[in-house]
């Protein structure tokens, strides 16, 4: 039906816009993660020992303090991974819709991608 086709095209258009938004969000998160990385990539700098620590033995990584001892850059990496998974899923959904070989669906994906990049 014509209403179903219009709805399908709008859904694909919105999925394409969302794909571009996730792609840009991933780039912003990457920039923040790079700023959070320590200048020195030694093990001591990556584990970020607490202020009261006096030696390398106390600053070592502990599995018992999992949520507290992980550095900031690690959480940025987890965020990037989640963004990547969402981006891949959206990309495959748009690709599968385009592979229906329907010209209107294809145009919806192109227009959505263009609008998403422009925003």
PDB file of N, CA and C in Angstrom:
ATOM      1  N   UNK A   1       0.837  -1.185   0.000  1.00  0.00           N
ATOM      2  CA  UNK A   1       0.000   0.000   0.000  1.00  0.00           C
ATOM      3  C   UNK A   1       0.884   1.251   0.000  1.00  0.00           C
ATOM      4  N   UNK A   2       0.408   2.350  -0.491  1.00  0.00           N
ATOM      5  CA  UNK A   2       1.209   3.581  -0.524  1.00  0.00           C
ATOM      6  C   UNK A   2       1.588   4.086   0.866  1.00  0.00           C
ATOM      7  N   UNK A   3       0.681   3.958   1.829  1.00  0.00           N
ATOM      8  CA  UNK A   3       0.996   4.423   3.183  1.00  0.00           C
ATOM      9  C   UNK A   3       2.119   3.582   3.797  1.00  0.00           C
ATOM     10  N   UNK A   4       2.091   2.281   3.552  1.00  0.00           N
ATOM     11  CA  UNK A   4       3.156   1.408   4.053  1.00  0.00           C
ATOM     12  C   UNK A   4       4.499   1.727   3.430  1.00  0.00           C
ATOM     13  N   UNK A   5       4.497   2.070   2.144  1.00  0.00           N
ATOM     14  CA  UNK A   5       5.747   2.420   1.475  1.00  0.00           C
ATOM     15  C   UNK A   5       6.307   3.731   2.023  1.00  0.00           C
ATOM     16  N   UNK A   6       5.444   4.709   2.237  1.00  0.00           N
ATOM     17  CA  UNK A   6       5.892   5.996   2.797  1.00  0.00           C
ATOM     18  C   UNK A   6       6.460   5.787   4.194  1.00  0.00           C
ATOM     19  N   UNK A   7       5.794   4.974   4.995  1.00  0.00           N
ATOM     20  CA  UNK A   7       6.291   4.682   6.339  1.00  0.00           C
ATOM     21  C   UNK A   7       7.638   3.969   6.283  1.00  0.00           C
ATOM     22  N   UNK A   8       7.784   3.028   5.359  1.00  0.00           N
ATOM     23  CA  UNK A   8       9.063   2.316   5.212  1.00  0.00           C
ATOM     24  C   UNK A   8      10.188   3.263   4.824  1.00  0.00           C
ATOM     25  N   UNK A   9       9.904   4.161   3.896  1.00  0.00           N
ATOM     26  CA  UNK A   9      10.922   5.114   3.459  1.00  0.00           C
ATOM     27  C   UNK A   9      11.305   6.037   4.618  1.00  0.00           C
ATOM     28  N   UNK A  10      10.321   6.482   5.394  1.00  0.00           N
ATOM     29  CA  UNK A  10      10.619   7.350   6.537  1.00  0.00           C
ATOM     30  C   UNK A  10      11.433   6.628   7.609  1.00  0.00           C
ATOM     31  N   UNK A  11      11.130   5.362   7.847  1.00  0.00           N
ATOM     32  CA  UNK A  11      11.894   4.589   8.834  1.00  0.00           C
ATOM     33  C   UNK A  11      13.345   4.434   8.377  1.00  0.00           C
ATOM     34  N   UNK A  12      13.553   4.123   7.102  1.00  0.00           N
ATOM     35  CA  UNK A  12      14.919   3.982   6.584  1.00  0.00           C
ATOM     36  C   UNK A  12      15.636   5.325   6.621  1.00  0.00           C
ATOM     37  N   UNK A  13      14.920   6.396   6.317  1.00  0.00           N
ATOM     38  CA  UNK A  13      15.516   7.729   6.388  1.00  0.00           C
ATOM     39  C   UNK A  13      15.978   8.024   7.820  1.00  0.00           C
ATOM     40  N   UNK A  14      15.136   7.737   8.796  1.00  0.00           N
ATOM     41  CA  UNK A  14      15.512   7.983  10.196  1.00  0.00           C
ATOM     42  C   UNK A  14      16.653   7.068  10.652  1.00  0.00           C
ATOM     43  N   UNK A  15      16.660   5.818  10.196  1.00  0.00           N
ATOM     44  CA  UNK A  15      17.774   4.925  10.540  1.00  0.00           C
ATOM     45  C   UNK A  15      19.093   5.443   9.961  1.00  0.00           C
ATOM     46  N   UNK A  16      19.038   5.993   8.759  1.00  0.00           N
ATOM     47  CA  UNK A  16      20.253   6.542   8.145  1.00  0.00           C
ATOM     48  C   UNK A  16      20.735   7.780   8.887  1.00  0.00           C
ATOM     49  N   UNK A  17      19.797   8.625   9.314  1.00  0.00           N
ATOM     50  CA  UNK A  17      20.167   9.806  10.109  1.00  0.00           C
ATOM     51  C   UNK A  17      20.790   9.364  11.427  1.00  0.00           C
ATOM     52  N   UNK A  18      20.186   8.375  12.069  1.00  0.00           N
ATOM     53  CA  UNK A  18      20.716   7.868  13.336  1.00  0.00           C
ATOM     54  C   UNK A  18      22.098   7.255  13.149  1.00  0.00           C
ATOM     55  N   UNK A  19      22.314   6.560  12.038  1.00  0.00           N
ATOM     56  CA  UNK A  19      23.636   5.981  11.742  1.00  0.00           C
ATOM     57  C   UNK A  19      24.700   7.074  11.689  1.00  0.00           C
ATOM     58  N   UNK A  20      24.394   8.159  10.989  1.00  0.00           N
ATOM     59  CA  UNK A  20      25.353   9.268  10.884  1.00  0.00           C
ATOM     60  C   UNK A  20      25.570   9.938  12.239  1.00  0.00           C
ATOM     61  N   UNK A  21      24.505  10.062  13.045  1.00  0.00           N
ATOM     62  CA  UNK A  21      24.644  10.665  14.366  1.00  0.00           C
ATOM     63  C   UNK A  21      25.536   9.812  15.267  1.00  0.00           C
ATOM     64  N   UNK A  22      25.357   8.504  15.204  1.00  0.00           N
ATOM     65  CA  UNK A  22      26.196   7.604  16.008  1.00  0.00           C
ATOM     66  C   UNK A  22      27.652   7.689  15.542  1.00  0.00           C
ATOM     67  N   UNK A  23      27.849   7.803  14.237  1.00  0.00           N
ATOM     68  CA  UNK A  23      29.204   7.913  13.702  1.00  0.00           C
ATOM     69  C   UNK A  23      29.884   9.178  14.222  1.00  0.00           C
ATOM     70  N   UNK A  24      29.157  10.275  14.254  1.00  0.00           N
ATOM     71  CA  UNK A  24      29.735  11.522  14.764  1.00  0.00           C
ATOM     72  C   UNK A  24      29.954  11.447  16.276  1.00  0.00           C
ATOM     73  N   UNK A  25      29.027  10.815  16.987  1.00  0.00           N
ATOM     74  CA  UNK A  25      29.202  10.646  18.429  1.00  0.00           C
ATOM     75  C   UNK A  25      30.424   9.807  18.761  1.00  0.00           C
ATOM     76  N   UNK A  26      30.674   8.815  17.937  1.00  0.00           N
ATOM     77  CA  UNK A  26      31.858   7.976  18.130  1.00  0.00           C
ATOM     78  C   UNK A  26      33.136   8.783  17.927  1.00  0.00           C
ATOM     79  N   UNK A  27      33.116   9.686  16.963  1.00  0.00           N
ATOM     80  CA  UNK A  27      34.297  10.529  16.711  1.00  0.00           C
ATOM     81  C   UNK A  27      34.533  11.487  17.874  1.00  0.00           C
ATOM     82  N   UNK A  28      33.462  12.045  18.434  1.00  0.00           N
ATOM     83  CA  UNK A  28      33.596  12.947  19.583  1.00  0.00           C
ATOM     84  C   UNK A  28      34.143  12.182  20.780  1.00  0.00           C
ATOM     85  N   UNK A  29      33.637  10.975  20.992  1.00  0.00           N
ATOM     86  CA  UNK A  29      34.111  10.158  22.110  1.00  0.00           C
ATOM     87  C   UNK A  29      35.572   9.772  21.926  1.00  0.00           C
ATOM     88  N   UNK A  30      35.989   9.523  20.687  1.00  0.00           N
ATOM     89  CA  UNK A  30      37.388   9.210  20.427  1.00  0.00           C
ATOM     90  C   UNK A  30      38.278  10.392  20.787  1.00  0.00           C
ATOM     91  N   UNK A  31      37.847  11.587  20.430  1.00  0.00           N
ATOM     92  CA  UNK A  31      38.642  12.777  20.767  1.00  0.00           C
ATOM     93  C   UNK A  31      38.768  12.935  22.276  1.00  0.00           C
ATOM     94  N   UNK A  32      37.670  12.715  22.997  1.00  0.00           N
ATOM     95  CA  UNK A  32      37.727  12.807  24.462  1.00  0.00           C
ATOM     96  C   UNK A  32      38.611  11.716  25.051  1.00  0.00           C
ATOM     97  N   UNK A  33      38.571  10.530  24.467  1.00  0.00           N
ATOM     98  CA  UNK A  33      39.400   9.433  24.970  1.00  0.00           C
ATOM     99  C   UNK A  33      40.873   9.737  24.754  1.00  0.00           C
ATOM    100  N   UNK A  34      41.206  10.326  23.624  1.00  0.00           N
ATOM    101  CA  UNK A  34      42.605  10.671  23.374  1.00  0.00           C
ATOM    102  C   UNK A  34      43.091  11.745  24.328  1.00  0.00           C
ATOM    103  N   UNK A  35      42.208  12.668  24.697  1.00  0.00           N
ATOM    104  CA  UNK A  35      42.594  13.688  25.671  1.00  0.00           C
ATOM    105  C   UNK A  35      42.738  13.100  27.068  1.00  0.00           C
ATOM    106  N   UNK A  36      42.033  12.005  27.360  1.00  0.00           N
ATOM    107  CA  UNK A  36      42.098  11.382  28.682  1.00  0.00           C
ATOM    108  C   UNK A  36      43.312  10.461  28.831  1.00  0.00           C
ATOM    109  N   UNK A  37      43.940  10.095  27.718  1.00  0.00           N
ATOM    110  CA  UNK A  37      45.119   9.227  27.798  1.00  0.00           C
ATOM    111  C   UNK A  37      46.271   9.954  28.476  1.00  0.00           C
ATOM    112  N   UNK A  38      46.990   9.276  29.350  1.00  0.00           N
ATOM    113  CA  UNK A  38      48.165   9.908  29.954  1.00  0.00           C
ATOM    114  C   UNK A  38      49.266  10.074  28.915  1.00  0.00           C
ATOM    115  N   UNK A  39      50.116  11.066  29.139  1.00  0.00           N
ATOM    116  CA  UNK A  39      51.221  11.296  28.194  1.00  0.00           C
ATOM    117  C   UNK A  39      52.192  10.122  28.184  1.00  0.00           C
ATOM    118  N   UNK A  40      52.439   9.551  29.343  1.00  0.00           N
ATOM    119  CA  UNK A  40      53.321   8.402  29.452  1.00  0.00           C
ATOM    120  C   UNK A  40      52.466   7.144  29.448  1.00  0.00           C
ATOM    121  N   UNK A  41      52.812   6.183  28.628  1.00  0.00           N
ATOM    122  CA  UNK A  41      52.043   4.949  28.548  1.00  0.00           C
ATOM    123  C   UNK A  41      52.648   3.838  29.393  1.00  0.00           C
ATOM    124  N   UNK A  42      53.347   4.206  30.457  1.00  0.00           N
ATOM    125  CA  UNK A  42      53.891   3.191  31.347  1.00  0.00           C
ATOM    126  C   UNK A  42      52.760   2.565  32.161  1.00  0.00           C
ATOM    127  N   UNK A  43      52.998   1.414  32.725  1.00  0.00           N
ATOM    128  CA  UNK A  43      51.968   0.722  33.488  1.00  0.00           C
ATOM    129  C   UNK A  43      51.516   1.558  34.685  1.00  0.00           C
ATOM    130  N   UNK A  44      52.432   2.271  35.322  1.00  0.00           N
ATOM    131  CA  UNK A  44      52.071   3.083  36.476  1.00  0.00           C
ATOM    132  C   UNK A  44      51.121   4.207  36.073  1.00  0.00           C
ATOM    133  N   UNK A  45      51.336   4.808  34.916  1.00  0.00           N
ATOM    134  CA  UNK A  45      50.480   5.908  34.475  1.00  0.00           C
ATOM    135  C   UNK A  45      49.116   5.397  34.036  1.00  0.00           C
ATOM    136  N   UNK A  46      49.066   4.203  33.478  1.00  0.00           N
ATOM    137  CA  UNK A  46      47.791   3.678  32.996  1.00  0.00           C
ATOM    138  C   UNK A  46      46.884   3.234  34.134  1.00  0.00           C
ATOM    139  N   UNK A  47      47.460   2.780  35.244  1.00  0.00           N
ATOM    140  CA  UNK A  47      46.618   2.322  36.348  1.00  0.00           C
ATOM    141  C   UNK A  47      46.209   3.461  37.258  1.00  0.00           C
ATOM    142  N   UNK A  48      46.774   4.637  37.102  1.00  0.00           N
ATOM    143  CA  UNK A  48      46.458   5.821  37.892  1.00  0.00           C
ATOM    144  C   UNK A  48      46.390   5.501  39.380  1.00  0.00           C
ATOM    145  N   UNK A  49      47.543   5.360  40.048  1.00  0.00           N
ATOM    146  CA  UNK A  49      47.522   5.060  41.484  1.00  0.00           C
ATOM    147  C   UNK A  49      46.865   6.199  42.264  1.00  0.00           C
ATOM    148  N   UNK A  50      46.295   5.851  43.404  1.00  0.00           N
ATOM    149  CA  UNK A  50      45.622   6.835  44.247  1.00  0.00           C
ATOM    150  C   UNK A  50      46.646   7.774  44.869  1.00  0.00           C
ATOM    151  N   UNK A  51      46.174   8.904  45.389  1.00  0.00           N
ATOM    152  CA  UNK A  51      47.063   9.940  45.911  1.00  0.00           C
ATOM    153  C   UNK A  51      47.877   9.464  47.104  1.00  0.00           C
ATOM    154  N   UNK A  52      47.335   8.586  47.939  1.00  0.00           N
ATOM    155  CA  UNK A  52      48.023   8.134  49.137  1.00  0.00           C
ATOM    156  C   UNK A  52      49.032   7.032  48.875  1.00  0.00           C
ATOM    157  N   UNK A  53      49.143   6.535  47.670  1.00  0.00           N
ATOM    158  CA  UNK A  53      50.063   5.444  47.359  1.00  0.00           C
ATOM    159  C   UNK A  53      51.496   5.948  47.401  1.00  0.00           C
ATOM    160  N   UNK A  54      52.408   5.078  47.927  1.00  0.00           N
ATOM    161  CA  UNK A  54      53.800   5.490  48.022  1.00  0.00           C
ATOM    162  C   UNK A  54      54.722   4.678  47.135  1.00  0.00           C
ATOM    163  N   UNK A  55      54.274   3.548  46.612  1.00  0.00           N
ATOM    164  CA  UNK A  55      55.157   2.716  45.814  1.00  0.00           C
ATOM    165  C   UNK A  55      54.423   2.022  44.696  1.00  0.00           C
ATOM    166  N   UNK A  56      55.196   1.405  43.786  1.00  0.00           N
ATOM    167  CA  UNK A  56      54.554   0.725  42.669  1.00  0.00           C
ATOM    168  C   UNK A  56      53.750  -0.487  43.096  1.00  0.00           C
ATOM    169  N   UNK A  57      54.076  -1.124  44.231  1.00  0.00           N
ATOM    170  CA  UNK A  57      53.339  -2.302  44.665  1.00  0.00           C
ATOM    171  C   UNK A  57      51.911  -1.928  45.068  1.00  0.00           C
ATOM    172  N   UNK A  58      51.753  -0.744  45.658  1.00  0.00           N
ATOM    173  CA  UNK A  58      50.417  -0.323  46.062  1.00  0.00           C
ATOM    174  C   UNK A  58      49.610   0.169  44.876  1.00  0.00           C
ATOM    175  N   UNK A  59      50.249   0.635  43.826  1.00  0.00           N
ATOM    176  CA  UNK A  59      49.545   1.166  42.670  1.00  0.00           C
ATOM    177  C   UNK A  59      49.229   0.117  41.619  1.00  0.00           C
ATOM    178  N   UNK A  60      49.509  -1.150  41.922  1.00  0.00           N
ATOM    179  CA  UNK A  60      49.263  -2.181  40.916  1.00  0.00           C
ATOM    180  C   UNK A  60      47.770  -2.428  40.753  1.00  0.00           C
ATOM    181  N   UNK A  61      47.414  -3.000  39.629  1.00  0.00           N
ATOM    182  CA  UNK A  61      46.011  -3.237  39.290  1.00  0.00           C
ATOM    183  C   UNK A  61      45.431  -4.314  40.189  1.00  0.00           C
ATOM    184  N   UNK A  62      44.280  -4.060  40.744  1.00  0.00           N
ATOM    185  CA  UNK A  62      43.628  -5.013  41.632  1.00  0.00           C
ATOM    186  C   UNK A  62      42.256  -5.368  41.083  1.00  0.00           C
ATOM    187  N   UNK A  63      41.950  -6.657  40.980  1.00  0.00           N
ATOM    188  CA  UNK A  63      40.648  -7.077  40.491  1.00  0.00           C
ATOM    189  C   UNK A  63      39.557  -6.886  41.540  1.00  0.00           C
ATOM    190  N   UNK A  64      39.939  -6.753  42.796  1.00  0.00           N
ATOM    191  CA  UNK A  64      38.953  -6.579  43.847  1.00  0.00           C
ATOM    192  C   UNK A  64      38.300  -5.199  43.776  1.00  0.00           C
ATOM    193  N   UNK A  65      39.008  -4.200  43.324  1.00  0.00           N
ATOM    194  CA  UNK A  65      38.479  -2.833  43.237  1.00  0.00           C
ATOM    195  C   UNK A  65      38.141  -2.508  41.790  1.00  0.00           C
ATOM    196  N   UNK A  66      37.477  -3.407  41.098  1.00  0.00           N
ATOM    197  CA  UNK A  66      37.227  -3.288  39.655  1.00  0.00           C
ATOM    198  C   UNK A  66      36.641  -1.944  39.228  1.00  0.00           C
ATOM    199  N   UNK A  67      35.494  -1.502  39.768  1.00  0.00           N
ATOM    200  CA  UNK A  67      34.916  -0.270  39.240  1.00  0.00           C
ATOM    201  C   UNK A  67      35.697   0.981  39.596  1.00  0.00           C
ATOM    202  N   UNK A  68      36.454   0.939  40.691  1.00  0.00           N
ATOM    203  CA  UNK A  68      37.125   2.149  41.145  1.00  0.00           C
ATOM    204  C   UNK A  68      38.527   2.308  40.578  1.00  0.00           C
ATOM    205  N   UNK A  69      39.217   1.222  40.267  1.00  0.00           N
ATOM    206  CA  UNK A  69      40.613   1.332  39.900  1.00  0.00           C
ATOM    207  C   UNK A  69      40.853   1.450  38.400  1.00  0.00           C
ATOM    208  N   UNK A  70      39.809   1.313  37.587  1.00  0.00           N
ATOM    209  CA  UNK A  70      40.011   1.432  36.154  1.00  0.00           C
ATOM    210  C   UNK A  70      40.142   2.901  35.778  1.00  0.00           C
ATOM    211  N   UNK A  71      41.085   3.209  34.914  1.00  0.00           N
ATOM    212  CA  UNK A  71      41.294   4.611  34.543  1.00  0.00           C
ATOM    213  C   UNK A  71      40.194   5.147  33.636  1.00  0.00           C
ATOM    214  N   UNK A  72      40.160   6.455  33.516  1.00  0.00           N
ATOM    215  CA  UNK A  72      39.132   7.123  32.726  1.00  0.00           C
ATOM    216  C   UNK A  72      39.156   6.711  31.273  1.00  0.00           C
ATOM    217  N   UNK A  73      40.348   6.557  30.695  1.00  0.00           N
ATOM    218  CA  UNK A  73      40.434   6.220  29.276  1.00  0.00           C
ATOM    219  C   UNK A  73      39.800   4.862  28.993  1.00  0.00           C
ATOM    220  N   UNK A  74      39.805   3.954  29.981  1.00  0.00           N
ATOM    221  CA  UNK A  74      39.185   2.642  29.784  1.00  0.00           C
ATOM    222  C   UNK A  74      37.680   2.784  29.587  1.00  0.00           C
ATOM    223  N   UNK A  75      37.042   3.645  30.379  1.00  0.00           N
ATOM    224  CA  UNK A  75      35.599   3.827  30.250  1.00  0.00           C
ATOM    225  C   UNK A  75      35.261   4.499  28.927  1.00  0.00           C
ATOM    226  N   UNK A  76      36.133   5.382  28.444  1.00  0.00           N
ATOM    227  CA  UNK A  76      35.924   5.947  27.117  1.00  0.00           C
ATOM    228  C   UNK A  76      35.996   4.843  26.055  1.00  0.00           C
ATOM    229  N   UNK A  77      36.899   3.899  26.230  1.00  0.00           N
ATOM    230  CA  UNK A  77      37.032   2.795  25.280  1.00  0.00           C
ATOM    231  C   UNK A  77      35.789   1.903  25.306  1.00  0.00           C
ATOM    232  N   UNK A  78      35.240   1.671  26.493  1.00  0.00           N
ATOM    233  CA  UNK A  78      33.996   0.895  26.598  1.00  0.00           C
ATOM    234  C   UNK A  78      32.875   1.633  25.861  1.00  0.00           C
ATOM    235  N   UNK A  79      32.795   2.937  26.041  1.00  0.00           N
ATOM    236  CA  UNK A  79      31.790   3.732  25.337  1.00  0.00           C
ATOM    237  C   UNK A  79      31.955   3.669  23.832  1.00  0.00           C
ATOM    238  N   UNK A  80      33.203   3.747  23.380  1.00  0.00           N
ATOM    239  CA  UNK A  80      33.474   3.642  21.946  1.00  0.00           C
ATOM    240  C   UNK A  80      33.043   2.284  21.410  1.00  0.00           C
ATOM    241  N   UNK A  81      33.274   1.238  22.170  1.00  0.00           N
ATOM    242  CA  UNK A  81      32.892  -0.101  21.744  1.00  0.00           C
ATOM    243  C   UNK A  81      31.378  -0.201  21.595  1.00  0.00           C
ATOM    244  N   UNK A  82      30.648   0.342  22.554  1.00  0.00           N
ATOM    245  CA  UNK A  82      29.183   0.310  22.473  1.00  0.00           C
ATOM    246  C   UNK A  82      28.683   1.128  21.283  1.00  0.00           C
ATOM    247  N   UNK A  83      29.276   2.297  21.052  1.00  0.00           N
ATOM    248  CA  UNK A  83      28.916   3.096  19.886  1.00  0.00           C
ATOM    249  C   UNK A  83      29.190   2.323  18.603  1.00  0.00           C
ATOM    250  N   UNK A  84      30.306   1.599  18.563  1.00  0.00           N
ATOM    251  CA  UNK A  84      30.656   0.836  17.370  1.00  0.00           C
ATOM    252  C   UNK A  84      29.635  -0.264  17.098  1.00  0.00           C
ATOM    253  N   UNK A  85      29.207  -0.957  18.153  1.00  0.00           N
ATOM    254  CA  UNK A  85      28.220  -2.021  17.986  1.00  0.00           C
ATOM    255  C   UNK A  85      26.915  -1.445  17.444  1.00  0.00           C
ATOM    256  N   UNK A  86      26.464  -0.331  17.995  1.00  0.00           N
ATOM    257  CA  UNK A  86      25.232   0.305  17.519  1.00  0.00           C
ATOM    258  C   UNK A  86      25.390   0.745  16.067  1.00  0.00           C
ATOM    259  N   UNK A  87      26.563   1.293  15.723  1.00  0.00           N
ATOM    260  CA  UNK A  87      26.809   1.743  14.355  1.00  0.00           C
ATOM    261  C   UNK A  87      26.777   0.571  13.376  1.00  0.00           C
ATOM    262  N   UNK A  88      27.377  -0.539  13.727  1.00  0.00           N
ATOM    263  CA  UNK A  88      27.395  -1.710  12.845  1.00  0.00           C
ATOM    264  C   UNK A  88      25.986  -2.265  12.654  1.00  0.00           C
ATOM    265  N   UNK A  89      25.218  -2.359  13.740  1.00  0.00           N
ATOM    266  CA  UNK A  89      23.858  -2.879  13.643  1.00  0.00           C
ATOM    267  C   UNK A  89      23.008  -1.978  12.751  1.00  0.00           C
ATOM    268  N   UNK A  90      23.091  -0.666  12.958  1.00  0.00           N
ATOM    269  CA  UNK A  90      22.325   0.264  12.120  1.00  0.00           C
ATOM    270  C   UNK A  90      22.762   0.182  10.659  1.00  0.00           C
ATOM    271  N   UNK A  91      24.061   0.079  10.438  1.00  0.00           N
ATOM    272  CA  UNK A  91      24.568  -0.020   9.071  1.00  0.00           C
ATOM    273  C   UNK A  91      24.062  -1.248   8.349  1.00  0.00           C
ATOM    274  N   UNK A  92      24.050  -2.381   9.048  1.00  0.00           N
ATOM    275  CA  UNK A  92      23.544  -3.596   8.423  1.00  0.00           C
ATOM    276  C   UNK A  92      22.038  -3.524   8.179  1.00  0.00           C
ATOM    277  N   UNK A  93      21.307  -2.881   9.075  1.00  0.00           N
ATOM    278  CA  UNK A  93      19.865  -2.742   8.865  1.00  0.00           C
ATOM    279  C   UNK A  93      19.575  -1.894   7.627  1.00  0.00           C
ATOM    280  N   UNK A  94      20.302  -0.792   7.472  1.00  0.00           N
ATOM    281  CA  UNK A  94      20.114   0.055   6.294  1.00  0.00           C
ATOM    282  C   UNK A  94      20.549  -0.703   5.043  1.00  0.00           C
ATOM    283  N   UNK A  95      21.650  -1.436   5.136  1.00  0.00           N
ATOM    284  CA  UNK A  95      22.112  -2.195   3.972  1.00  0.00           C
ATOM    285  C   UNK A  95      21.081  -3.244   3.547  1.00  0.00           C
ATOM    286  N   UNK A  96      20.512  -3.951   4.511  1.00  0.00           N
ATOM    287  CA  UNK A  96      19.504  -4.953   4.177  1.00  0.00           C
ATOM    288  C   UNK A  96      18.277  -4.314   3.533  1.00  0.00           C
ATOM    289  N   UNK A  97      17.902  -3.126   3.993  1.00  0.00           N
ATOM    290  CA  UNK A  97      16.758  -2.438   3.383  1.00  0.00           C
ATOM    291  C   UNK A  97      17.079  -2.022   1.955  1.00  0.00           C
ATOM    292  N   UNK A  98      18.290  -1.532   1.736  1.00  0.00           N
ATOM    293  CA  UNK A  98      18.688  -1.120   0.381  1.00  0.00           C
ATOM    294  C   UNK A  98      18.755  -2.332  -0.545  1.00  0.00           C
ATOM    295  N   UNK A  99      19.120  -3.484  -0.001  1.00  0.00           N
ATOM    296  CA  UNK A  99      19.219  -4.684  -0.823  1.00  0.00           C
ATOM    297  C   UNK A  99      17.857  -5.236  -1.242  1.00  0.00           C
ATOM    298  N   UNK A 100      16.788  -4.562  -0.847  1.00  0.00           N
ATOM    299  CA  UNK A 100      15.472  -4.939  -1.357  1.00  0.00           C
ATOM    300  C   UNK A 100      15.301  -4.478  -2.803  1.00  0.00           C
ATOM    301  N   UNK A 101      16.247  -3.707  -3.298  1.00  0.00           N
ATOM    302  CA  UNK A 101      16.262  -3.199  -4.675  1.00  0.00           C
ATOM    303  C   UNK A 101      15.030  -2.350  -4.979  1.00  0.00           C
ATOM    304  N   UNK A 102      14.560  -1.636  -3.981  1.00  0.00           N
ATOM    305  CA  UNK A 102      13.454  -0.714  -4.161  1.00  0.00           C
ATOM    306  C   UNK A 102      14.047   0.688  -4.280  1.00  0.00           C
ATOM    307  N   UNK A 103      13.714   1.387  -5.346  1.00  0.00           N
ATOM    308  CA  UNK A 103      14.302   2.713  -5.594  1.00  0.00           C
ATOM    309  C   UNK A 103      13.924   3.708  -4.510  1.00  0.00           C
ATOM    310  N   UNK A 104      12.697   3.647  -3.978  1.00  0.00           N
ATOM    311  CA  UNK A 104      12.283   4.591  -2.958  1.00  0.00           C
ATOM    312  C   UNK A 104      13.022   4.351  -1.646  1.00  0.00           C
ATOM    313  N   UNK A 105      13.220   3.092  -1.296  1.00  0.00           N
ATOM    314  CA  UNK A 105      13.986   2.757  -0.090  1.00  0.00           C
ATOM    315  C   UNK A 105      15.432   3.242  -0.248  1.00  0.00           C
ATOM    316  N   UNK A 106      15.993   3.027  -1.432  1.00  0.00           N
ATOM    317  CA  UNK A 106      17.352   3.480  -1.711  1.00  0.00           C
ATOM    318  C   UNK A 106      17.455   4.995  -1.575  1.00  0.00           C
ATOM    319  N   UNK A 107      16.499   5.722  -2.139  1.00  0.00           N
ATOM    320  CA  UNK A 107      16.509   7.183  -2.027  1.00  0.00           C
ATOM    321  C   UNK A 107      16.329   7.633  -0.576  1.00  0.00           C
ATOM    322  N   UNK A 108      15.511   6.914   0.182  1.00  0.00           N
ATOM    323  CA  UNK A 108      15.354   7.233   1.602  1.00  0.00           C
ATOM    324  C   UNK A 108      16.659   7.079   2.364  1.00  0.00           C
ATOM    325  N   UNK A 109      17.409   6.026   2.041  1.00  0.00           N
ATOM    326  CA  UNK A 109      18.706   5.820   2.699  1.00  0.00           C
ATOM    327  C   UNK A 109      19.698   6.910   2.308  1.00  0.00           C
ATOM    328  N   UNK A 110      19.697   7.308   1.044  1.00  0.00           N
ATOM    329  CA  UNK A 110      20.621   8.348   0.589  1.00  0.00           C
ATOM    330  C   UNK A 110      20.268   9.693   1.211  1.00  0.00           C
ATOM    331  N   UNK A 111      18.995  10.050   1.191  1.00  0.00           N
ATOM    332  CA  UNK A 111      18.567  11.327   1.776  1.00  0.00           C
ATOM    333  C   UNK A 111      18.817  11.333   3.286  1.00  0.00           C
ATOM    334  N   UNK A 112      18.539  10.240   3.960  1.00  0.00           N
ATOM    335  CA  UNK A 112      18.792  10.153   5.397  1.00  0.00           C
ATOM    336  C   UNK A 112      20.264  10.281   5.728  1.00  0.00           C
ATOM    337  N   UNK A 113      21.105   9.645   4.946  1.00  0.00           N
ATOM    338  CA  UNK A 113      22.541   9.754   5.174  1.00  0.00           C
ATOM    339  C   UNK A 113      23.023  11.186   4.933  1.00  0.00           C
ATOM    340  N   UNK A 114      22.477  11.812   3.915  1.00  0.00           N
ATOM    341  CA  UNK A 114      22.854  13.201   3.615  1.00  0.00           C
ATOM    342  C   UNK A 114      22.405  14.134   4.733  1.00  0.00           C
ATOM    343  N   UNK A 115      21.161  13.981   5.180  1.00  0.00           N
ATOM    344  CA  UNK A 115      20.665  14.827   6.279  1.00  0.00           C
ATOM    345  C   UNK A 115      21.436  14.582   7.577  1.00  0.00           C
ATOM    346  N   UNK A 116      21.729  13.322   7.866  1.00  0.00           N
ATOM    347  CA  UNK A 116      22.476  12.992   9.069  1.00  0.00           C
ATOM    348  C   UNK A 116      23.877  13.590   9.067  1.00  0.00           C
ATOM    349  N   UNK A 117      24.532  13.567   7.923  1.00  0.00           N
ATOM    350  CA  UNK A 117      25.863  14.153   7.840  1.00  0.00           C
ATOM    351  C   UNK A 117      25.802  15.667   7.929  1.00  0.00           C
ATOM    352  N   UNK A 118      24.760  16.254   7.321  1.00  0.00           N
ATOM    353  CA  UNK A 118      24.623  17.706   7.314  1.00  0.00           C
ATOM    354  C   UNK A 118      24.360  18.235   8.713  1.00  0.00           C
ATOM    355  N   UNK A 119      23.596  17.482   9.514  1.00  0.00           N
ATOM    356  CA  UNK A 119      23.269  17.930  10.867  1.00  0.00           C
ATOM    357  C   UNK A 119      24.505  17.873  11.720  1.00  0.00           C
TER     358      UNK A 119
END
